[in-house]
mmCIF file of all heavy atoms, coordinates in Angstrom:
data_MODEL
# 
_entry.id   MODEL 
# 
loop_
_atom_site.group_PDB 
_atom_site.id 
_atom_site.type_symbol 
_atom_site.label_atom_id 
_atom_site.label_alt_id 
_atom_site.label_comp_id 
_atom_site.label_asym_id 
_atom_site.label_entity_id 
_atom_site.label_seq_id 
_atom_site.pdbx_PDB_ins_code 
_atom_site.Cartn_x 
_atom_site.Cartn_y 
_atom_site.Cartn_z 
_atom_site.occupancy 
_atom_site.B_iso_or_equiv 
_atom_site.pdbx_formal_charge 
_atom_site.auth_seq_id 
_atom_site.auth_comp_id 
_atom_site.auth_asym_id 
_atom_site.auth_atom_id 
_atom_site.pdbx_PDB_model_num 
ATOM 1   N N   . GLU A 1 1  ? -5.791 7.466   -0.935 1.00 0.00 ? 1  GLU A N   1 
ATOM 2   C CA  . GLU A 1 1  ? -5.576 8.182   -2.187 1.00 0.00 ? 1  GLU A CA  1 
ATOM 3   C C   . GLU A 1 1  ? -6.190 9.582   -2.124 1.00 0.00 ? 1  GLU A C   1 
ATOM 4   O O   . GLU A 1 1  ? -5.613 10.542  -2.639 1.00 0.00 ? 1  GLU A O   1 
ATOM 5   C CB  . GLU A 1 1  ? -6.119 7.372   -3.363 1.00 0.00 ? 1  GLU A CB  1 
ATOM 6   C CG  . GLU A 1 1  ? -5.255 6.151   -3.638 1.00 0.00 ? 1  GLU A CG  1 
ATOM 7   C CD  . GLU A 1 1  ? -5.787 5.244   -4.725 1.00 0.00 ? 1  GLU A CD  1 
ATOM 8   O OE1 . GLU A 1 1  ? -7.017 5.204   -4.949 1.00 0.00 ? 1  GLU A OE1 1 
ATOM 9   O OE2 . GLU A 1 1  ? -4.956 4.553   -5.348 1.00 0.00 ? 1  GLU A OE2 1 
ATOM 10  N N   . SER A 1 2  ? -7.318 9.718   -1.437 1.00 0.00 ? 2  SER A N   1 
ATOM 11  C CA  . SER A 1 2  ? -7.930 11.043  -1.294 1.00 0.00 ? 2  SER A CA  1 
ATOM 12  C C   . SER A 1 2  ? -7.062 11.981  -0.451 1.00 0.00 ? 2  SER A C   1 
ATOM 13  O O   . SER A 1 2  ? -7.170 13.197  -0.567 1.00 0.00 ? 2  SER A O   1 
ATOM 14  C CB  . SER A 1 2  ? -9.330 10.929  -0.679 1.00 0.00 ? 2  SER A CB  1 
ATOM 15  O OG  . SER A 1 2  ? -9.264 10.713  0.721  1.00 0.00 ? 2  SER A OG  1 
ATOM 16  N N   . LYS A 1 3  ? -6.183 11.414  0.373  1.00 0.00 ? 3  LYS A N   1 
ATOM 17  C CA  . LYS A 1 3  ? -5.296 12.206  1.216  1.00 0.00 ? 3  LYS A CA  1 
ATOM 18  C C   . LYS A 1 3  ? -3.957 12.499  0.532  1.00 0.00 ? 3  LYS A C   1 
ATOM 19  O O   . LYS A 1 3  ? -3.107 13.167  1.099  1.00 0.00 ? 3  LYS A O   1 
ATOM 20  C CB  . LYS A 1 3  ? -5.046 11.477  2.549  1.00 0.00 ? 3  LYS A CB  1 
ATOM 21  C CG  . LYS A 1 3  ? -6.288 11.279  3.406  1.00 0.00 ? 3  LYS A CG  1 
ATOM 22  C CD  . LYS A 1 3  ? -6.978 12.569  3.792  1.00 0.00 ? 3  LYS A CD  1 
ATOM 23  C CE  . LYS A 1 3  ? -6.179 13.363  4.780  1.00 0.00 ? 3  LYS A CE  1 
ATOM 24  N NZ  . LYS A 1 3  ? -6.812 14.657  5.129  1.00 0.00 ? 3  LYS A NZ  1 
ATOM 25  N N   . GLY A 1 4  ? -3.767 11.965  -0.681 1.00 0.00 ? 4  GLY A N   1 
ATOM 26  C CA  . GLY A 1 4  ? -2.544 12.263  -1.427 1.00 0.00 ? 4  GLY A CA  1 
ATOM 27  C C   . GLY A 1 4  ? -1.599 11.097  -1.613 1.00 0.00 ? 4  GLY A C   1 
ATOM 28  O O   . GLY A 1 4  ? -0.572 11.231  -2.276 1.00 0.00 ? 4  GLY A O   1 
ATOM 29  N N   . ALA A 1 5  ? -1.902 9.945   -1.044 1.00 0.00 ? 5  ALA A N   1 
ATOM 30  C CA  . ALA A 1 5  ? -1.054 8.764   -1.231 1.00 0.00 ? 5  ALA A CA  1 
ATOM 31  C C   . ALA A 1 5  ? -1.293 8.193   -2.625 1.00 0.00 ? 5  ALA A C   1 
ATOM 32  O O   . ALA A 1 5  ? -2.394 8.312   -3.171 1.00 0.00 ? 5  ALA A O   1 
ATOM 33  C CB  . ALA A 1 5  ? -1.356 7.717   -0.164 1.00 0.00 ? 5  ALA A CB  1 
ATOM 34  N N   . ARG A 1 6  ? -0.274 7.568   -3.174 1.00 0.00 ? 6  ARG A N   1 
ATOM 35  C CA  . ARG A 1 6  ? -0.369 6.979   -4.508 1.00 0.00 ? 6  ARG A CA  1 
ATOM 36  C C   . ARG A 1 6  ? -0.008 5.498   -4.458 1.00 0.00 ? 6  ARG A C   1 
ATOM 37  O O   . ARG A 1 6  ? 0.936  5.104   -3.772 1.00 0.00 ? 6  ARG A O   1 
ATOM 38  C CB  . ARG A 1 6  ? 0.566  7.695   -5.483 1.00 0.00 ? 6  ARG A CB  1 
ATOM 39  C CG  . ARG A 1 6  ? 0.221  9.160   -5.687 1.00 0.00 ? 6  ARG A CG  1 
ATOM 40  C CD  . ARG A 1 6  ? -1.104 9.320   -6.432 1.00 0.00 ? 6  ARG A CD  1 
ATOM 41  N NE  . ARG A 1 6  ? -1.582 10.682  -6.385 1.00 0.00 ? 6  ARG A NE  1 
ATOM 42  C CZ  . ARG A 1 6  ? -2.676 11.066  -5.751 1.00 0.00 ? 6  ARG A CZ  1 
ATOM 43  N NH1 . ARG A 1 6  ? -3.414 10.206  -5.093 1.00 0.00 ? 6  ARG A NH1 1 
ATOM 44  N NH2 . ARG A 1 6  ? -3.047 12.331  -5.765 1.00 0.00 ? 6  ARG A NH2 1 
ATOM 45  N N   . PHE A 1 7  ? -0.772 4.714   -5.208 1.00 0.00 ? 7  PHE A N   1 
ATOM 46  C CA  . PHE A 1 7  ? -0.551 3.270   -5.285 1.00 0.00 ? 7  PHE A CA  1 
ATOM 47  C C   . PHE A 1 7  ? 0.829  2.986   -5.859 1.00 0.00 ? 7  PHE A C   1 
ATOM 48  O O   . PHE A 1 7  ? 1.238  3.594   -6.841 1.00 0.00 ? 7  PHE A O   1 
ATOM 49  C CB  . PHE A 1 7  ? -1.631 2.626   -6.161 1.00 0.00 ? 7  PHE A CB  1 
ATOM 50  C CG  . PHE A 1 7  ? -1.423 1.165   -6.384 1.00 0.00 ? 7  PHE A CG  1 
ATOM 51  C CD1 . PHE A 1 7  ? -1.730 0.243   -5.397 1.00 0.00 ? 7  PHE A CD1 1 
ATOM 52  C CD2 . PHE A 1 7  ? -0.891 0.704   -7.587 1.00 0.00 ? 7  PHE A CD2 1 
ATOM 53  C CE1 . PHE A 1 7  ? -1.538 -1.113  -5.603 1.00 0.00 ? 7  PHE A CE1 1 
ATOM 54  C CE2 . PHE A 1 7  ? -0.690 -0.643  -7.805 1.00 0.00 ? 7  PHE A CE2 1 
ATOM 55  C CZ  . PHE A 1 7  ? -1.014 -1.555  -6.806 1.00 0.00 ? 7  PHE A CZ  1 
ATOM 56  N N   . GLN A 1 8  ? 1.536  2.021   -5.224 1.00 0.00 ? 8  GLN A N   1 
ATOM 57  C CA  . GLN A 1 8  ? 2.843  1.571   -5.714 1.00 0.00 ? 8  GLN A CA  1 
ATOM 58  C C   . GLN A 1 8  ? 2.754  0.177   -6.315 1.00 0.00 ? 8  GLN A C   1 
ATOM 59  O O   . GLN A 1 8  ? 3.136  -0.035  -7.443 1.00 0.00 ? 8  GLN A O   1 
ATOM 60  C CB  . GLN A 1 8  ? 3.860  1.510   -4.577 1.00 0.00 ? 8  GLN A CB  1 
ATOM 61  C CG  . GLN A 1 8  ? 4.545  2.787   -4.259 1.00 0.00 ? 8  GLN A CG  1 
ATOM 62  C CD  . GLN A 1 8  ? 5.686  2.518   -3.290 1.00 0.00 ? 8  GLN A CD  1 
ATOM 63  O OE1 . GLN A 1 8  ? 5.538  1.822   -2.301 1.00 0.00 ? 8  GLN A OE1 1 
ATOM 64  N NE2 . GLN A 1 8  ? 6.836  3.081   -3.595 1.00 0.00 ? 8  GLN A NE2 1 
ATOM 65  N N   . LEU A 1 9  ? 2.256  -0.773  -5.497 1.00 0.00 ? 9  LEU A N   1 
ATOM 66  C CA  . LEU A 1 9  ? 2.239  -2.172  -5.908 1.00 0.00 ? 9  LEU A CA  1 
ATOM 67  C C   . LEU A 1 9  ? 1.389  -2.973  -4.938 1.00 0.00 ? 9  LEU A C   1 
ATOM 68  O O   . LEU A 1 9  ? 0.988  -2.477  -3.900 1.00 0.00 ? 9  LEU A O   1 
ATOM 69  C CB  . LEU A 1 9  ? 3.660  -2.741  -5.959 1.00 0.00 ? 9  LEU A CB  1 
ATOM 70  C CG  . LEU A 1 9  ? 4.528  -2.597  -4.699 1.00 0.00 ? 9  LEU A CG  1 
ATOM 71  C CD1 . LEU A 1 9  ? 4.368  -3.767  -3.758 1.00 0.00 ? 9  LEU A CD1 1 
ATOM 72  C CD2 . LEU A 1 9  ? 5.984  -2.484  -5.102 1.00 0.00 ? 9  LEU A CD2 1 
ATOM 73  N N   . MET A 1 10 ? 1.142  -4.220  -5.296 1.00 0.00 ? 10 MET A N   1 
ATOM 74  C CA  . MET A 1 10 ? 0.487  -5.144  -4.372 1.00 0.00 ? 10 MET A CA  1 
ATOM 75  C C   . MET A 1 10 ? 1.586  -5.825  -3.562 1.00 0.00 ? 10 MET A C   1 
ATOM 76  O O   . MET A 1 10 ? 2.619  -6.216  -4.121 1.00 0.00 ? 10 MET A O   1 
ATOM 77  C CB  . MET A 1 10 ? -0.352 -6.174  -5.120 1.00 0.00 ? 10 MET A CB  1 
ATOM 78  C CG  . MET A 1 10 ? -1.528 -5.559  -5.891 1.00 0.00 ? 10 MET A CG  1 
ATOM 79  S SD  . MET A 1 10 ? -2.708 -4.663  -4.849 1.00 0.00 ? 10 MET A SD  1 
ATOM 80  C CE  . MET A 1 10 ? -3.547 -6.029  -4.044 1.00 0.00 ? 10 MET A CE  1 
ATOM 81  N N   . ALA A 1 11 ? 1.381  -5.951  -2.249 1.00 0.00 ? 11 ALA A N   1 
ATOM 82  C CA  . ALA A 1 11 ? 2.398  -6.509  -1.355 1.00 0.00 ? 11 ALA A CA  1 
ATOM 83  C C   . ALA A 1 11 ? 1.750  -7.509  -0.403 1.00 0.00 ? 11 ALA A C   1 
ATOM 84  O O   . ALA A 1 11 ? 0.545  -7.437  -0.135 1.00 0.00 ? 11 ALA A O   1 
ATOM 85  C CB  . ALA A 1 11 ? 3.066  -5.384  -0.562 1.00 0.00 ? 11 ALA A CB  1 
ATOM 86  N N   . ALA A 1 12 ? 2.555  -8.401  0.113  1.00 0.00 ? 12 ALA A N   1 
ATOM 87  C CA  . ALA A 1 12 ? 2.067  -9.431  1.021  1.00 0.00 ? 12 ALA A CA  1 
ATOM 88  C C   . ALA A 1 12 ? 1.602  -8.823  2.343  1.00 0.00 ? 12 ALA A C   1 
ATOM 89  O O   . ALA A 1 12 ? 2.250  -7.930  2.892  1.00 0.00 ? 12 ALA A O   1 
ATOM 90  C CB  . ALA A 1 12 ? 3.160  -10.459 1.283  1.00 0.00 ? 12 ALA A CB  1 
ATOM 91  N N   . SER A 1 13 ? 0.479  -9.311  2.830  1.00 0.00 ? 13 SER A N   1 
ATOM 92  C CA  . SER A 1 13 ? -0.035 -8.916  4.140  1.00 0.00 ? 13 SER A CA  1 
ATOM 93  C C   . SER A 1 13 ? 0.932  -9.368  5.222  1.00 0.00 ? 13 SER A C   1 
ATOM 94  O O   . SER A 1 13 ? 1.546  -10.428 5.118  1.00 0.00 ? 13 SER A O   1 
ATOM 95  C CB  . SER A 1 13 ? -1.403 -9.574  4.359  1.00 0.00 ? 13 SER A CB  1 
ATOM 96  O OG  . SER A 1 13 ? -1.794 -9.483  5.708  1.00 0.00 ? 13 SER A OG  1 
ATOM 97  N N   . ASP A 1 14 ? 1.051  -8.569  6.269  1.00 0.00 ? 14 ASP A N   1 
ATOM 98  C CA  . ASP A 1 14 ? 1.884  -8.979  7.396  1.00 0.00 ? 14 ASP A CA  1 
ATOM 99  C C   . ASP A 1 14 ? 1.070  -9.728  8.449  1.00 0.00 ? 14 ASP A C   1 
ATOM 100 O O   . ASP A 1 14 ? 1.589  -10.102 9.482  1.00 0.00 ? 14 ASP A O   1 
ATOM 101 C CB  . ASP A 1 14 ? 2.628  -7.790  7.999  1.00 0.00 ? 14 ASP A CB  1 
ATOM 102 C CG  . ASP A 1 14 ? 1.767  -6.570  8.214  1.00 0.00 ? 14 ASP A CG  1 
ATOM 103 O OD1 . ASP A 1 14 ? 0.538  -6.647  8.001  1.00 0.00 ? 14 ASP A OD1 1 
ATOM 104 O OD2 . ASP A 1 14 ? 2.315  -5.525  8.601  1.00 0.00 ? 14 ASP A OD2 1 
ATOM 105 N N   . ALA A 1 15 ? -0.205 -9.977  8.181  1.00 0.00 ? 15 ALA A N   1 
ATOM 106 C CA  . ALA A 1 15 ? -1.064 -10.678 9.137  1.00 0.00 ? 15 ALA A CA  1 
ATOM 107 C C   . ALA A 1 15 ? -1.634 -11.976 8.579  1.00 0.00 ? 15 ALA A C   1 
ATOM 108 O O   . ALA A 1 15 ? -1.793 -12.945 9.312  1.00 0.00 ? 15 ALA A O   1 
ATOM 109 C CB  . ALA A 1 15 ? -2.209 -9.777  9.587  1.00 0.00 ? 15 ALA A CB  1 
ATOM 110 N N   . ILE A 1 16 ? -1.945 -12.002 7.295  1.00 0.00 ? 16 ILE A N   1 
ATOM 111 C CA  . ILE A 1 16 ? -2.634 -13.141 6.693  1.00 0.00 ? 16 ILE A CA  1 
ATOM 112 C C   . ILE A 1 16 ? -1.765 -13.714 5.571  1.00 0.00 ? 16 ILE A C   1 
ATOM 113 O O   . ILE A 1 16 ? -1.556 -13.051 4.537  1.00 0.00 ? 16 ILE A O   1 
ATOM 114 C CB  . ILE A 1 16 ? -4.008 -12.732 6.103  1.00 0.00 ? 16 ILE A CB  1 
ATOM 115 C CG1 . ILE A 1 16 ? -4.844 -11.950 7.121  1.00 0.00 ? 16 ILE A CG1 1 
ATOM 116 C CG2 . ILE A 1 16 ? -4.736 -13.940 5.545  1.00 0.00 ? 16 ILE A CG2 1 
ATOM 117 C CD1 . ILE A 1 16 ? -5.378 -12.754 8.262  1.00 0.00 ? 16 ILE A CD1 1 
ATOM 118 N N   . ALA A 1 17 ? -1.273 -14.924 5.761  1.00 0.00 ? 17 ALA A N   1 
ATOM 119 C CA  . ALA A 1 17 ? -0.435 -15.560 4.746  1.00 0.00 ? 17 ALA A CA  1 
ATOM 120 C C   . ALA A 1 17 ? -1.191 -15.687 3.428  1.00 0.00 ? 17 ALA A C   1 
ATOM 121 O O   . ALA A 1 17 ? -2.357 -16.082 3.405  1.00 0.00 ? 17 ALA A O   1 
ATOM 122 C CB  . ALA A 1 17 ? 0.011  -16.937 5.226  1.00 0.00 ? 17 ALA A CB  1 
ATOM 123 N N   . GLY A 1 18 ? -0.518 -15.301 2.347  1.00 0.00 ? 18 GLY A N   1 
ATOM 124 C CA  . GLY A 1 18 ? -1.096 -15.413 1.015  1.00 0.00 ? 18 GLY A CA  1 
ATOM 125 C C   . GLY A 1 18 ? -1.999 -14.257 0.601  1.00 0.00 ? 18 GLY A C   1 
ATOM 126 O O   . GLY A 1 18 ? -2.418 -14.197 -0.551 1.00 0.00 ? 18 GLY A O   1 
ATOM 127 N N   . ARG A 1 19 ? -2.295 -13.357 1.494  1.00 0.00 ? 19 ARG A N   1 
ATOM 128 C CA  . ARG A 1 19 ? -3.156 -12.210 1.161  1.00 0.00 ? 19 ARG A CA  1 
ATOM 129 C C   . ARG A 1 19 ? -2.297 -11.075 0.623  1.00 0.00 ? 19 ARG A C   1 
ATOM 130 O O   . ARG A 1 19 ? -1.257 -10.731 1.201  1.00 0.00 ? 19 ARG A O   1 
ATOM 131 C CB  . ARG A 1 19 ? -3.908 -11.745 2.406  1.00 0.00 ? 19 ARG A CB  1 
ATOM 132 C CG  . ARG A 1 19 ? -4.909 -10.634 2.121  1.00 0.00 ? 19 ARG A CG  1 
ATOM 133 C CD  . ARG A 1 19 ? -5.779 -10.354 3.340  1.00 0.00 ? 19 ARG A CD  1 
ATOM 134 N NE  . ARG A 1 19 ? -6.892 -9.501  2.982  1.00 0.00 ? 19 ARG A NE  1 
ATOM 135 C CZ  . ARG A 1 19 ? -7.215 -8.379  3.623  1.00 0.00 ? 19 ARG A CZ  1 
ATOM 136 N NH1 . ARG A 1 19 ? -6.540 -7.997  4.690  1.00 0.00 ? 19 ARG A NH1 1 
ATOM 137 N NH2 . ARG A 1 19 ? -8.243 -7.662  3.222  1.00 0.00 ? 19 ARG A NH2 1 
ATOM 138 N N   . MET A 1 20 ? -2.732 -10.488 -0.477 1.00 0.00 ? 20 MET A N   1 
ATOM 139 C CA  . MET A 1 20 ? -2.018 -9.368  -1.081 1.00 0.00 ? 20 MET A CA  1 
ATOM 140 C C   . MET A 1 20 ? -2.814 -8.087  -0.849 1.00 0.00 ? 20 MET A C   1 
ATOM 141 O O   . MET A 1 20 ? -4.046 -8.090  -0.955 1.00 0.00 ? 20 MET A O   1 
ATOM 142 C CB  . MET A 1 20 ? -1.805 -9.606  -2.574 1.00 0.00 ? 20 MET A CB  1 
ATOM 143 C CG  . MET A 1 20 ? -0.983 -10.855 -2.885 1.00 0.00 ? 20 MET A CG  1 
ATOM 144 S SD  . MET A 1 20 ? 0.691  -10.809 -2.199 1.00 0.00 ? 20 MET A SD  1 
ATOM 145 C CE  . MET A 1 20 ? 1.471  -9.632  -3.301 1.00 0.00 ? 20 MET A CE  1 
ATOM 146 N N   . LEU A 1 21 ? -2.082 -7.032  -0.533 1.00 0.00 ? 21 LEU A N   1 
ATOM 147 C CA  . LEU A 1 21 ? -2.710 -5.748  -0.192 1.00 0.00 ? 21 LEU A CA  1 
ATOM 148 C C   . LEU A 1 21 ? -2.062 -4.622  -0.991 1.00 0.00 ? 21 LEU A C   1 
ATOM 149 O O   . LEU A 1 21 ? -0.876 -4.700  -1.339 1.00 0.00 ? 21 LEU A O   1 
ATOM 150 C CB  . LEU A 1 21 ? -2.524 -5.461  1.299  1.00 0.00 ? 21 LEU A CB  1 
ATOM 151 C CG  . LEU A 1 21 ? -3.145 -6.455  2.268  1.00 0.00 ? 21 LEU A CG  1 
ATOM 152 C CD1 . LEU A 1 21 ? -2.688 -6.161  3.687  1.00 0.00 ? 21 LEU A CD1 1 
ATOM 153 C CD2 . LEU A 1 21 ? -4.646 -6.434  2.155  1.00 0.00 ? 21 LEU A CD2 1 
ATOM 154 N N   . PRO A 1 22 ? -2.804 -3.548  -1.224 1.00 0.00 ? 22 PRO A N   1 
ATOM 155 C CA  . PRO A 1 22 ? -2.201 -2.398  -1.900 1.00 0.00 ? 22 PRO A CA  1 
ATOM 156 C C   . PRO A 1 22 ? -1.186 -1.696  -0.990 1.00 0.00 ? 22 PRO A C   1 
ATOM 157 O O   . PRO A 1 22 ? -1.459 -1.471  0.195  1.00 0.00 ? 22 PRO A O   1 
ATOM 158 C CB  . PRO A 1 22 ? -3.374 -1.469  -2.194 1.00 0.00 ? 22 PRO A CB  1 
ATOM 159 C CG  . PRO A 1 22 ? -4.587 -2.084  -1.610 1.00 0.00 ? 22 PRO A CG  1 
ATOM 160 C CD  . PRO A 1 22 ? -4.219 -3.364  -0.966 1.00 0.00 ? 22 PRO A CD  1 
ATOM 161 N N   . ARG A 1 23 ? -0.021 -1.408  -1.544 1.00 0.00 ? 23 ARG A N   1 
ATOM 162 C CA  . ARG A 1 23 ? 0.975  -0.597  -0.853 1.00 0.00 ? 23 ARG A CA  1 
ATOM 163 C C   . ARG A 1 23 ? 0.981  0.757   -1.544 1.00 0.00 ? 23 ARG A C   1 
ATOM 164 O O   . ARG A 1 23 ? 1.082  0.844   -2.759 1.00 0.00 ? 23 ARG A O   1 
ATOM 165 C CB  . ARG A 1 23 ? 2.367  -1.221  -0.894 1.00 0.00 ? 23 ARG A CB  1 
ATOM 166 C CG  . ARG A 1 23 ? 3.398  -0.332  -0.185 1.00 0.00 ? 23 ARG A CG  1 
ATOM 167 C CD  . ARG A 1 23 ? 4.692  -1.031  0.106  1.00 0.00 ? 23 ARG A CD  1 
ATOM 168 N NE  . ARG A 1 23 ? 4.702  -1.786  1.343  1.00 0.00 ? 23 ARG A NE  1 
ATOM 169 C CZ  . ARG A 1 23 ? 4.712  -1.261  2.568  1.00 0.00 ? 23 ARG A CZ  1 
ATOM 170 N NH1 . ARG A 1 23 ? 4.648  0.034   2.742  1.00 0.00 ? 23 ARG A NH1 1 
ATOM 171 N NH2 . ARG A 1 23 ? 4.760  -2.026  3.627  1.00 0.00 ? 23 ARG A NH2 1 
ATOM 172 N N   . LEU A 1 24 ? 0.844  1.793   -0.715 1.00 0.00 ? 24 LEU A N   1 
ATOM 173 C CA  . LEU A 1 24 ? 0.816  3.160   -1.226 1.00 0.00 ? 24 LEU A CA  1 
ATOM 174 C C   . LEU A 1 24 ? 1.945  3.960   -0.606 1.00 0.00 ? 24 LEU A C   1 
ATOM 175 O O   . LEU A 1 24 ? 2.485  3.573   0.440  1.00 0.00 ? 24 LEU A O   1 
ATOM 176 C CB  . LEU A 1 24 ? -0.527 3.828   -0.884 1.00 0.00 ? 24 LEU A CB  1 
ATOM 177 C CG  . LEU A 1 24 ? -1.761 3.160   -1.469 1.00 0.00 ? 24 LEU A CG  1 
ATOM 178 C CD1 . LEU A 1 24 ? -2.412 2.251   -0.450 1.00 0.00 ? 24 LEU A CD1 1 
ATOM 179 C CD2 . LEU A 1 24 ? -2.753 4.188   -1.940 1.00 0.00 ? 24 LEU A CD2 1 
ATOM 180 N N   . VAL A 1 25 ? 2.270  5.065   -1.220 1.00 0.00 ? 25 VAL A N   1 
ATOM 181 C CA  . VAL A 1 25 ? 3.260  5.983   -0.660 1.00 0.00 ? 25 VAL A CA  1 
ATOM 182 C C   . VAL A 1 25 ? 2.712  7.407   -0.764 1.00 0.00 ? 25 VAL A C   1 
ATOM 183 O O   . VAL A 1 25 ? 2.105  7.766   -1.768 1.00 0.00 ? 25 VAL A O   1 
ATOM 184 C CB  . VAL A 1 25 ? 4.640  5.846   -1.330 1.00 0.00 ? 25 VAL A CB  1 
ATOM 185 C CG1 . VAL A 1 25 ? 4.605  6.256   -2.789 1.00 0.00 ? 25 VAL A CG1 1 
ATOM 186 C CG2 . VAL A 1 25 ? 5.704  6.643   -0.577 1.00 0.00 ? 25 VAL A CG2 1 
ATOM 187 N N   . HIS A 1 26 ? 2.920  8.152   0.299  1.00 0.00 ? 26 HIS A N   1 
ATOM 188 C CA  . HIS A 1 26 ? 2.544  9.569   0.325  1.00 0.00 ? 26 HIS A CA  1 
ATOM 189 C C   . HIS A 1 26 ? 3.848  10.354  0.412  1.00 0.00 ? 26 HIS A C   1 
ATOM 190 O O   . HIS A 1 26 ? 4.553  10.278  1.413  1.00 0.00 ? 26 HIS A O   1 
ATOM 191 C CB  . HIS A 1 26 ? 1.671  9.853   1.548  1.00 0.00 ? 26 HIS A CB  1 
ATOM 192 C CG  . HIS A 1 26 ? 1.106  11.237  1.559  1.00 0.00 ? 26 HIS A CG  1 
ATOM 193 N ND1 . HIS A 1 26 ? -0.074 11.530  2.172  1.00 0.00 ? 26 HIS A ND1 1 
ATOM 194 C CD2 . HIS A 1 26 ? 1.542  12.403  1.042  1.00 0.00 ? 26 HIS A CD2 1 
ATOM 195 C CE1 . HIS A 1 26 ? -0.322 12.821  2.044  1.00 0.00 ? 26 HIS A CE1 1 
ATOM 196 N NE2 . HIS A 1 26 ? 0.651  13.366  1.366  1.00 0.00 ? 26 HIS A NE2 1 
ATOM 197 N N   . HIS A 1 27 ? 4.161  11.099  -0.653 1.00 0.00 ? 27 HIS A N   1 
ATOM 198 C CA  . HIS A 1 27 ? 5.362  11.935  -0.664 1.00 0.00 ? 27 HIS A CA  1 
ATOM 199 C C   . HIS A 1 27 ? 5.048  13.180  0.153  1.00 0.00 ? 27 HIS A C   1 
ATOM 200 O O   . HIS A 1 27 ? 4.106  13.908  -0.133 1.00 0.00 ? 27 HIS A O   1 
ATOM 201 C CB  . HIS A 1 27 ? 5.780  12.258  -2.086 1.00 0.00 ? 27 HIS A CB  1 
ATOM 202 C CG  . HIS A 1 27 ? 6.208  11.038  -2.832 1.00 0.00 ? 27 HIS A CG  1 
ATOM 203 N ND1 . HIS A 1 27 ? 7.438  10.446  -2.637 1.00 0.00 ? 27 HIS A ND1 1 
ATOM 204 C CD2 . HIS A 1 27 ? 5.550  10.264  -3.727 1.00 0.00 ? 27 HIS A CD2 1 
ATOM 205 C CE1 . HIS A 1 27 ? 7.521  9.370   -3.399 1.00 0.00 ? 27 HIS A CE1 1 
ATOM 206 N NE2 . HIS A 1 27 ? 6.394  9.229   -4.057 1.00 0.00 ? 27 HIS A NE2 1 
ATOM 207 N N   . LEU A 1 28 ? 5.854  13.418  1.176  1.00 0.00 ? 28 LEU A N   1 
ATOM 208 C CA  . LEU A 1 28 ? 5.579  14.465  2.151  1.00 0.00 ? 28 LEU A CA  1 
ATOM 209 C C   . LEU A 1 28 ? 6.335  15.752  1.894  1.00 0.00 ? 28 LEU A C   1 
ATOM 210 O O   . LEU A 1 28 ? 6.011  16.779  2.475  1.00 0.00 ? 28 LEU A O   1 
ATOM 211 C CB  . LEU A 1 28 ? 5.911  13.958  3.561  1.00 0.00 ? 28 LEU A CB  1 
ATOM 212 C CG  . LEU A 1 28 ? 5.162  12.708  4.003  1.00 0.00 ? 28 LEU A CG  1 
ATOM 213 C CD1 . LEU A 1 28 ? 5.753  12.162  5.301  1.00 0.00 ? 28 LEU A CD1 1 
ATOM 214 C CD2 . LEU A 1 28 ? 3.677  13.004  4.168  1.00 0.00 ? 28 LEU A CD2 1 
ATOM 215 N N   . ALA A 1 29 ? 7.358  15.699  1.069  1.00 0.00 ? 29 ALA A N   1 
ATOM 216 C CA  . ALA A 1 29 ? 8.216  16.873  0.858  1.00 0.00 ? 29 ALA A CA  1 
ATOM 217 C C   . ALA A 1 29 ? 7.507  17.949  0.064  1.00 0.00 ? 29 ALA A C   1 
ATOM 218 O O   . ALA A 1 29 ? 6.581  17.741  -0.642 1.00 0.00 ? 29 ALA A O   1 
ATOM 219 C CB  . ALA A 1 29 ? 9.492  16.463  0.145  1.00 0.00 ? 29 ALA A CB  1 
# 
């Protein structure tokens, strides 16, 4: 977030079943 990314939603981890992680997006344009 300090680099300019913004929180979108909580999403499933791709490593740990059942773990939810923050998904962020950094608009580059």
